[in-house]
Protein backbone atom coordinates (compact mmCIF):
# COMPACT_ATOMS: atom_id res chain seq x y z
CA MET A 1 87.03 213.05 -10.42
CA SER A 2 84.36 212.76 -13.06
CA LYS A 3 81.35 210.39 -12.63
CA LEU A 4 82.27 208.50 -15.64
CA TYR A 5 85.75 207.93 -14.40
CA ALA A 6 84.32 207.16 -10.82
CA TYR A 7 81.95 204.38 -12.09
CA ALA A 8 84.74 202.84 -14.15
CA VAL A 9 87.03 202.50 -11.13
CA SER A 10 84.22 201.30 -8.92
CA ARG A 11 83.45 198.47 -11.48
CA ALA A 12 87.11 197.34 -11.84
CA LEU A 13 87.28 197.04 -8.17
CA LEU A 14 84.04 195.04 -8.03
CA PHE A 15 85.26 192.36 -10.34
CA ALA A 16 88.98 192.56 -8.74
CA LEU A 17 87.84 191.82 -5.13
CA PRO A 18 86.33 188.64 -3.74
CA LEU A 19 83.14 188.73 -2.15
CA PHE A 20 84.43 186.92 0.97
CA CYS A 21 87.83 187.40 2.34
CA LEU A 22 88.70 183.70 2.53
CA SER A 23 92.34 184.23 2.66
CA VAL A 24 92.23 187.05 5.33
CA SER A 25 95.58 186.04 6.65
CA LEU A 26 97.22 185.88 3.24
CA SER A 27 99.73 188.48 1.55
CA PHE A 28 100.75 188.57 -1.91
CA SER A 29 104.36 187.94 -0.39
CA ALA A 30 106.07 184.69 0.27
CA GLU A 31 105.07 184.88 3.89
CA TRP A 32 101.68 184.94 5.49
CA PHE A 33 100.04 184.65 8.71
CA GLY A 34 97.38 183.31 10.73
CA THR A 35 96.17 182.24 14.30
CA GLY A 36 96.04 178.34 15.40
CA PHE A 37 95.03 176.81 18.71
CA LEU A 38 95.81 173.57 20.61
CA VAL A 39 93.48 170.92 21.22
CA GLY A 40 93.70 167.40 22.70
CA THR A 41 96.45 165.49 24.38
CA LEU A 42 98.83 164.95 21.52
CA PRO A 43 98.77 168.09 21.04
CA ILE A 44 97.96 169.27 17.58
CA VAL A 45 97.18 172.75 16.45
CA VAL A 46 93.97 173.70 14.45
CA THR A 47 93.95 176.43 11.89
CA ASN A 48 92.59 176.91 8.38
CA HIS A 49 93.46 175.11 5.15
CA HIS A 50 94.21 178.27 3.52
CA VAL A 51 96.72 179.10 6.22
CA ALA A 52 98.62 176.12 6.21
CA ALA A 53 98.18 174.86 2.35
CA GLY A 54 101.22 175.62 0.16
CA ALA A 55 103.47 176.30 3.03
CA LYS A 56 107.01 174.79 3.01
CA GLN A 57 107.87 176.33 6.35
CA ILE A 58 105.59 176.83 9.25
CA GLU A 59 106.27 178.55 12.52
CA MET A 60 104.16 178.84 15.54
CA THR A 61 104.80 181.61 18.15
CA PHE A 62 103.46 181.40 21.71
CA ARG A 63 102.15 184.52 23.53
CA ASP A 64 105.39 184.44 25.62
CA GLY A 65 107.62 184.56 22.61
CA ARG A 66 108.56 180.87 22.32
CA THR A 67 108.52 179.68 18.78
CA ALA A 68 108.16 175.90 17.28
CA LYS A 69 108.27 174.59 14.12
CA GLY A 70 105.21 172.80 12.62
CA LYS A 71 104.40 169.88 10.04
CA VAL A 72 101.04 169.61 8.40
CA LEU A 73 99.28 166.65 9.36
CA ARG A 74 95.71 167.06 7.36
CA LEU A 75 94.38 169.19 5.07
CA ASP A 76 90.62 169.52 4.40
CA ARG A 77 89.96 172.04 1.53
CA ARG A 78 86.19 171.82 1.06
CA ASN A 79 85.89 172.84 4.91
CA ASP A 80 89.08 174.96 5.18
CA LEU A 81 90.62 173.05 8.18
CA ALA A 82 94.10 171.91 8.84
CA LEU A 83 95.82 170.21 11.58
CA ILE A 84 99.81 170.89 12.31
CA GLY A 85 101.75 169.09 14.50
CA PHE A 86 104.87 169.90 15.91
CA VAL A 87 108.39 169.07 14.87
CA LYS A 88 109.73 169.10 18.46
CA PRO A 89 106.74 169.47 20.98
CA PRO A 90 107.22 172.36 23.38
CA GLN A 91 105.79 172.38 26.84
CA VAL A 92 102.18 173.26 26.83
CA LEU A 93 100.06 174.16 29.81
CA ALA A 94 96.87 174.89 28.00
CA ARG A 95 94.78 173.14 25.74
CA PHE A 96 91.04 173.55 24.41
CA THR A 97 88.27 170.88 24.65
CA ILE A 98 85.76 170.81 21.81
CA ALA A 99 82.09 171.07 22.50
CA PRO A 100 79.31 170.00 20.14
CA SER A 101 78.01 172.72 17.98
CA ASP A 102 74.58 171.13 17.33
CA ALA A 103 73.53 172.64 20.61
CA VAL A 104 74.57 176.25 19.76
CA LYS A 105 71.73 178.81 19.54
CA PRO A 106 71.09 182.23 17.83
CA GLY A 107 71.99 184.88 20.32
CA GLN A 108 74.38 182.77 22.42
CA GLU A 109 77.29 184.80 23.60
CA VAL A 110 80.48 183.80 22.17
CA TYR A 111 84.27 184.77 22.08
CA VAL A 112 86.71 184.80 19.41
CA MET A 113 90.55 184.65 20.37
CA GLY A 114 93.43 185.50 17.69
CA TYR A 115 96.31 187.52 16.51
CA PRO A 116 94.57 190.38 14.51
CA LEU A 117 96.85 192.49 12.06
CA PRO A 118 100.10 190.64 13.23
CA GLY A 119 102.93 193.43 12.91
CA ASP A 120 100.58 196.54 12.86
CA LEU A 121 99.07 195.64 16.45
CA GLY A 122 102.45 194.19 17.65
CA ASN A 123 101.56 190.60 17.42
CA ARG A 124 99.52 190.50 20.58
CA LEU A 125 96.88 188.33 21.18
CA SER A 126 93.48 189.61 21.74
CA ILE A 127 89.74 188.63 22.54
CA THR A 128 86.58 189.99 21.37
CA LYS A 129 83.02 189.12 22.18
CA GLY A 130 79.97 188.94 20.21
CA ILE A 131 76.92 186.61 19.78
CA ILE A 132 75.57 184.10 17.28
CA ALA A 133 73.68 185.98 14.75
CA SER A 134 72.86 182.54 12.84
CA THR A 135 73.57 179.09 12.68
CA VAL A 136 73.64 179.03 8.98
CA GLY A 137 76.25 180.98 6.78
CA ILE A 138 75.98 182.16 3.30
CA ASP A 139 73.25 180.53 0.93
CA GLU A 140 71.95 178.56 4.12
CA ASP A 141 75.22 176.78 4.34
CA ASN A 142 74.68 174.70 7.63
CA ARG A 143 78.47 173.91 8.20
CA HIS A 144 79.03 177.78 9.42
CA PHE A 145 77.97 179.99 12.04
CA ARG A 146 77.50 183.84 11.37
CA VAL A 147 78.74 185.70 14.21
CA THR A 148 79.02 189.30 15.25
CA ALA A 149 82.43 189.27 17.16
CA GLN A 150 84.78 191.73 15.74
CA MET A 151 87.53 190.08 13.46
CA ASN A 152 90.47 191.45 11.47
CA PRO A 153 93.00 189.77 9.05
CA GLY A 154 95.16 187.52 11.04
CA ASN A 155 92.07 186.00 13.21
CA THR A 156 91.52 183.36 10.47
CA GLY A 157 92.18 180.01 12.14
CA GLY A 158 91.36 180.95 15.54
CA PRO A 159 88.79 179.71 17.89
CA LEU A 160 85.29 180.39 18.47
CA LEU A 161 84.54 179.87 21.96
CA ASP A 162 81.21 179.58 24.24
CA THR A 163 81.04 180.93 27.78
CA LYS A 164 82.65 177.85 28.98
CA GLY A 165 85.79 178.36 27.21
CA ARG A 166 85.15 175.33 24.78
CA VAL A 167 85.87 175.37 21.14
CA ILE A 168 82.49 175.52 19.16
CA GLY A 169 83.78 176.81 15.99
CA VAL A 170 87.04 177.88 13.64
CA VAL A 171 87.10 181.48 12.31
CA TYR A 172 87.57 181.48 8.60
CA ALA A 173 85.90 184.56 6.87
CA GLY A 174 84.39 187.86 6.78
CA LEU A 175 82.36 189.72 3.94
CA ASN A 176 84.59 192.05 2.04
CA ALA A 177 83.72 195.59 3.09
CA VAL A 178 85.20 197.34 0.02
CA ARG A 179 83.06 195.03 -2.48
CA SER A 180 79.90 195.48 -0.17
CA LEU A 181 80.33 199.30 -0.28
CA ILE A 182 80.54 199.34 -4.19
CA LEU A 183 77.89 196.74 -4.84
CA GLN A 184 75.39 197.64 -2.05
CA GLY A 185 76.49 200.93 -0.89
CA HIS A 186 77.16 200.23 2.64
CA VAL A 187 79.82 198.72 4.95
CA PRO A 188 78.74 195.33 6.59
CA GLU A 189 79.31 195.24 10.22
CA GLY A 190 79.56 192.23 12.62
CA THR A 191 79.36 189.78 9.62
CA ASN A 192 81.92 187.15 10.07
CA PHE A 193 81.95 183.31 9.65
CA ALA A 194 83.04 180.40 11.55
CA ILE A 195 83.49 176.63 10.83
CA LYS A 196 81.24 174.59 13.09
CA SER A 197 83.12 172.36 15.39
CA SER A 198 81.43 169.30 14.48
CA LEU A 199 83.40 169.32 11.19
CA LEU A 200 86.73 169.79 13.31
CA TRP A 201 85.74 167.05 15.35
CA SER A 202 85.67 164.46 12.30
CA MET A 203 89.26 165.53 11.71
CA VAL A 204 90.95 165.36 14.95
CA ALA A 205 89.00 162.09 15.91
CA ASP A 206 91.54 160.27 13.73
CA PHE A 207 94.26 161.46 16.01
CA GLY A 208 92.91 160.06 19.10
CA GLU A 209 90.99 162.99 20.46
CA ASP A 210 88.08 162.42 23.06
CA ALA A 211 84.60 162.86 21.57
CA PRO A 212 83.16 166.40 22.07
CA GLN A 213 81.90 167.18 25.66
CA ASP A 214 78.94 168.79 26.90
CA ALA A 215 79.47 168.77 30.59
CA GLY A 216 78.04 171.02 33.23
CA LEU A 217 80.91 173.36 33.35
CA PRO A 218 80.50 176.86 34.82
CA ASP A 219 80.13 180.06 32.71
CA LEU A 220 83.13 182.34 32.46
CA THR A 221 83.72 185.99 31.93
CA GLY A 222 86.01 187.06 28.89
CA ASP A 223 88.95 188.06 31.30
CA LYS A 224 89.01 184.52 32.85
CA ILE A 225 88.90 182.85 29.62
CA PHE A 226 91.57 184.84 28.23
CA ALA A 227 93.64 183.92 31.42
CA ALA A 228 92.69 180.38 31.11
CA TYR A 229 93.56 179.82 27.68
CA ARG A 230 96.02 182.31 26.44
CA ASP A 231 98.95 180.04 26.06
CA ALA A 232 96.75 177.63 23.78
CA VAL A 233 96.54 180.15 21.02
CA VAL A 234 99.31 180.62 18.66
CA LEU A 235 100.40 182.87 15.75
CA VAL A 236 101.00 180.74 12.87
CA ARG A 237 103.49 182.06 10.22
CA ALA A 238 103.70 180.24 6.92
CA SER A 239 106.25 180.87 4.19
CA ASP A 240 106.55 179.23 0.73
CA LYS A 241 110.36 179.35 0.56
CA PRO A 242 111.81 176.02 1.11
CA GLU A 243 113.74 175.64 4.27
CA LYS A 244 117.62 175.67 3.91
CA PRO A 245 118.86 171.98 3.92
CA LYS A 246 120.68 170.89 7.03
CA ARG A 247 123.82 168.82 7.00
CA THR A 248 122.91 165.09 7.40
CA GLU A 249 124.15 164.75 11.16
CA GLU A 250 121.90 168.13 12.14
CA ALA A 251 118.96 167.19 10.06
CA GLU A 252 115.73 166.39 11.98
CA GLN A 253 114.38 162.99 11.16
CA PRO A 254 110.66 162.50 10.35
CA SER A 255 108.62 161.57 13.22
CA LEU A 256 106.66 158.29 13.49
CA GLU A 257 104.24 159.99 16.04
CA THR A 258 102.21 162.30 13.73
CA GLY A 259 104.76 164.99 13.33
CA PHE A 260 106.21 165.27 16.76
CA ASP A 261 109.55 164.95 18.33
CA ALA A 262 111.69 162.90 15.64
CA ARG A 263 114.61 162.19 18.18
CA ASN A 264 111.85 160.10 20.21
CA ALA A 265 111.19 158.09 17.22
CA ALA A 266 114.52 156.38 17.35
CA THR A 267 114.81 156.61 13.58
CA PRO A 268 117.89 155.50 12.15
CA VAL A 269 119.98 157.69 9.74
CA ARG A 270 121.35 155.20 7.74
CA THR A 271 119.75 153.98 4.47
CA ASP A 272 117.99 150.54 5.03
CA THR A 273 116.14 149.76 1.92
CA ARG A 274 114.76 146.35 3.18
CA GLU A 275 113.08 147.73 6.34
CA ALA A 276 111.94 150.73 4.52
CA THR A 277 109.95 148.50 2.10
CA GLU A 278 108.49 146.60 5.01
CA TRP A 279 107.11 150.06 6.35
CA ALA A 280 106.12 151.02 2.75
CA ARG A 281 104.05 147.66 2.53
CA LYS A 282 102.47 148.62 6.00
CA SER A 283 101.55 152.16 4.99
CA ARG A 284 99.66 150.66 2.05
CA ASP A 285 97.92 148.22 4.15
CA ASN A 286 96.97 151.06 6.16
CA ILE A 287 95.31 153.01 3.40
CA ALA A 288 93.44 149.83 2.47
CA LYS A 289 91.98 149.62 5.76
CA GLY A 290 91.22 153.49 5.90
CA ASN A 291 93.68 154.00 8.89
CA TRP A 292 95.02 157.30 7.88
CA ALA A 293 97.04 158.12 10.74
CA GLY A 294 98.67 154.61 10.66
CA ALA A 295 99.46 155.11 6.98
CA ILE A 296 101.16 158.60 7.78
CA ARG A 297 103.45 157.00 10.51
CA ALA A 298 104.06 153.94 8.33
CA ALA A 299 105.09 155.93 5.09
CA SER A 300 107.17 158.36 7.50
CA ALA A 301 109.06 155.67 8.46
CA ALA A 302 109.80 154.15 5.37
CA ILE A 303 111.03 157.69 3.90
CA ALA A 304 113.19 158.01 6.88
CA LEU A 305 114.83 154.79 6.49
CA ASP A 306 115.27 155.25 2.77
CA PRO A 307 114.39 158.62 1.29
CA GLY A 308 115.01 157.24 -2.25
CA LEU A 309 111.87 155.14 -2.31
CA SER A 310 109.11 157.19 -3.98
CA GLY A 311 105.98 155.09 -3.10
CA PRO A 312 106.00 156.31 0.59
CA TYR A 313 105.87 160.04 -0.48
CA ALA A 314 102.58 159.40 -2.45
CA ASP A 315 101.27 157.26 0.34
CA ARG A 316 101.67 159.93 2.86
CA CYS A 317 100.29 162.66 0.48
CA PHE A 318 97.09 160.67 0.02
CA ALA A 319 96.51 159.85 3.68
CA TYR A 320 96.94 163.53 4.36
CA TYR A 321 94.05 164.53 1.95
């Protein structure tokens, strides 16, 4: 290969590849993967915005092989966060708690759990260890941690944990090795980033989650953390292919409880425009009050009672964002 040809190829790659692998879980097909984890008593699943956004189908797989369908509850594009609810909640034995991220210091040991390279590594849950290299990200962004724990495509959306097993961040990106090699002549190592838990807390608070705790819990080794929380981490499979429509008698009704078991919501299948209009009014009232969770529940009820009403769809979309 001539020097001129090599230079031309390197410059093409330089501009074709992004500086950051923000979409480390995405592929160019209609299906992509990431990691999610359960928090709170609802429970809800936390992942990245770029994992959940644009998905028409979401399926979550537990370590033991159980699967559950999910529905997006809230998206935060700016901070790359998303909350997913279960259409039909499975039995869950483990959930994470959230710790304050403002107490985290450089040099502190941390762990990352997730599903790196799904398919290539057999969809096995893994855990890696590292430290907090910095309490700011690129360009001094104080929303992020820079961490040294090893991560791969598929880890995105997974939990960043302290030595007590509490969530202090959400994994979201790593430096692009190929572009760094072309631009700077070396491959970066241990340069990955996580979103601080303070930003996550501001989202889950609307769904009844308790405030972040900083109780005097004992420190745990990595194997103990893995054993305690392995059932609280899920593989998230998202697809932009619409789900095949079901017959009316088999279709799952939208849940009034932020995306959970629709059958417990006792939502009638019949069309009831009068009652649906009343729920639509309640949805608009909740939006005016800033009660987003209430607006989502009311709009979902209106849609379930009369799918022909257009207003509740817009209300629910607005409340999600």
